[in-house]
Amino acid sequence: MKSHDLRTLGDYAIYLNEKLEAERENSRNKIEFLKRLVHPEDLGHAVSAEVRNLAYQLLINESSE
């Protein structure tokens, strides 16, 4: 491979890593929000039981993957 090709691959790897880290951060934020929804002392009282149950199911599905 030529140095230009290697540089392009390196730049692409850096770009993909940055995107992956951003997705991980988004995922962590979503999980934290869902945990707040199901926690009765946090946001739990402010949401309906239906929403709380849905958030709980999403958390269960997230942990099983």
C-alpha atoms as a PDB file:
ATOM      1  CA  MET A   1       0.000   0.000   0.000  1.00  0.00           C
ATOM      2  CA  LYS A   2       1.080   3.501  -0.641  1.00  0.00           C
ATOM      3  CA  SER A   3       1.556   5.981   2.184  1.00  0.00           C
ATOM      4  CA  HIS A   4      -1.462   7.974   0.977  1.00  0.00           C
ATOM      5  CA  ASP A   5      -3.648   4.858   1.230  1.00  0.00           C
ATOM      6  CA  LEU A   6      -2.338   4.083   4.708  1.00  0.00           C
ATOM      7  CA  ARG A   7      -2.977   7.644   5.823  1.00  0.00           C
ATOM      8  CA  THR A   8      -6.527   7.471   4.457  1.00  0.00           C
ATOM      9  CA  LEU A   9      -7.137   4.191   6.281  1.00  0.00           C
ATOM     10  CA  GLY A  10      -5.727   5.683   9.463  1.00  0.00           C
ATOM     11  CA  ASP A  11      -7.980   8.733   9.156  1.00  0.00           C
ATOM     12  CA  TYR A  12     -10.977   6.480   8.569  1.00  0.00           C
ATOM     13  CA  ALA A  13     -10.116   4.372  11.618  1.00  0.00           C
ATOM     14  CA  ILE A  14      -9.924   7.523  13.743  1.00  0.00           C
ATOM     15  CA  TYR A  15     -13.261   8.727  12.362  1.00  0.00           C
ATOM     16  CA  LEU A  16     -14.933   5.380  13.098  1.00  0.00           C
ATOM     17  CA  ASN A  17     -13.493   5.332  16.611  1.00  0.00           C
ATOM     18  CA  GLU A  18     -14.864   8.818  17.294  1.00  0.00           C
ATOM     19  CA  LYS A  19     -18.302   7.751  16.026  1.00  0.00           C
ATOM     20  CA  LEU A  20     -18.191   4.607  18.174  1.00  0.00           C
ATOM     21  CA  GLU A  21     -17.303   6.601  21.274  1.00  0.00           C
ATOM     22  CA  ALA A  22     -20.133   9.056  20.562  1.00  0.00           C
ATOM     23  CA  GLU A  23     -22.598   6.162  20.236  1.00  0.00           C
ATOM     24  CA  ARG A  24     -21.357   4.646  23.493  1.00  0.00           C
ATOM     25  CA  GLU A  25     -21.870   7.969  25.264  1.00  0.00           C
ATOM     26  CA  ASN A  26     -25.383   8.270  23.805  1.00  0.00           C
ATOM     27  CA  SER A  27     -26.160   4.745  24.949  1.00  0.00           C
ATOM     28  CA  ARG A  28     -24.915   5.474  28.474  1.00  0.00           C
ATOM     29  CA  ASN A  29     -27.047   8.630  28.610  1.00  0.00           C
ATOM     30  CA  LYS A  30     -30.148   6.740  27.464  1.00  0.00           C
ATOM     31  CA  ILE A  31     -29.606   4.003  30.029  1.00  0.00           C
ATOM     32  CA  GLU A  32     -29.158   6.550  32.810  1.00  0.00           C
ATOM     33  CA  PHE A  33     -32.384   8.277  31.777  1.00  0.00           C
ATOM     34  CA  LEU A  34     -34.278   4.986  31.717  1.00  0.00           C
ATOM     35  CA  LYS A  35     -32.932   4.152  35.171  1.00  0.00           C
ATOM     36  CA  ARG A  36     -34.204   7.505  36.429  1.00  0.00           C
ATOM     37  CA  LEU A  37     -37.634   6.767  34.961  1.00  0.00           C
ATOM     38  CA  VAL A  38     -37.990   3.492  36.840  1.00  0.00           C
ATOM     39  CA  HIS A  39     -36.504   4.708  40.120  1.00  0.00           C
ATOM     40  CA  PRO A  40     -39.449   5.731  42.326  1.00  0.00           C
ATOM     41  CA  GLU A  41     -37.498   8.329  44.283  1.00  0.00           C
ATOM     42  CA  ASP A  42     -36.186  10.072  41.178  1.00  0.00           C
ATOM     43  CA  LEU A  43     -38.496  10.557  38.178  1.00  0.00           C
ATOM     44  CA  GLY A  44     -40.578   7.471  38.866  1.00  0.00           C
ATOM     45  CA  HIS A  45     -43.454   9.312  40.551  1.00  0.00           C
ATOM     46  CA  ALA A  46     -43.672  11.826  37.710  1.00  0.00           C
ATOM     47  CA  VAL A  47     -44.399   9.203  35.028  1.00  0.00           C
ATOM     48  CA  SER A  48     -47.244   6.790  34.547  1.00  0.00           C
ATOM     49  CA  ALA A  49     -46.933   3.120  35.408  1.00  0.00           C
ATOM     50  CA  GLU A  50     -47.147   2.318  31.701  1.00  0.00           C
ATOM     51  CA  VAL A  51     -44.120   4.484  30.886  1.00  0.00           C
ATOM     52  CA  ARG A  52     -42.226   3.141  33.897  1.00  0.00           C
ATOM     53  CA  ASN A  53     -42.910  -0.443  32.776  1.00  0.00           C
ATOM     54  CA  LEU A  54     -41.793   0.329  29.233  1.00  0.00           C
ATOM     55  CA  ALA A  55     -38.564   1.871  30.521  1.00  0.00           C
ATOM     56  CA  TYR A  56     -38.008  -1.171  32.708  1.00  0.00           C
ATOM     57  CA  GLN A  57     -38.500  -3.498  29.725  1.00  0.00           C
ATOM     58  CA  LEU A  58     -36.028  -1.463  27.664  1.00  0.00           C
ATOM     59  CA  LEU A  59     -33.479  -1.742  30.460  1.00  0.00           C
ATOM     60  CA  ILE A  60     -33.982  -5.496  30.657  1.00  0.00           C
ATOM     61  CA  ASN A  61     -33.540  -5.851  26.892  1.00  0.00           C
ATOM     62  CA  GLU A  62     -30.418  -3.671  26.973  1.00  0.00           C
ATOM     63  CA  SER A  63     -28.784  -5.770  29.685  1.00  0.00           C
ATOM     64  CA  SER A  64     -29.532  -9.066  27.944  1.00  0.00           C
ATOM     65  CA  GLU A  65     -27.760  -8.057  24.708  1.00  0.00           C
END
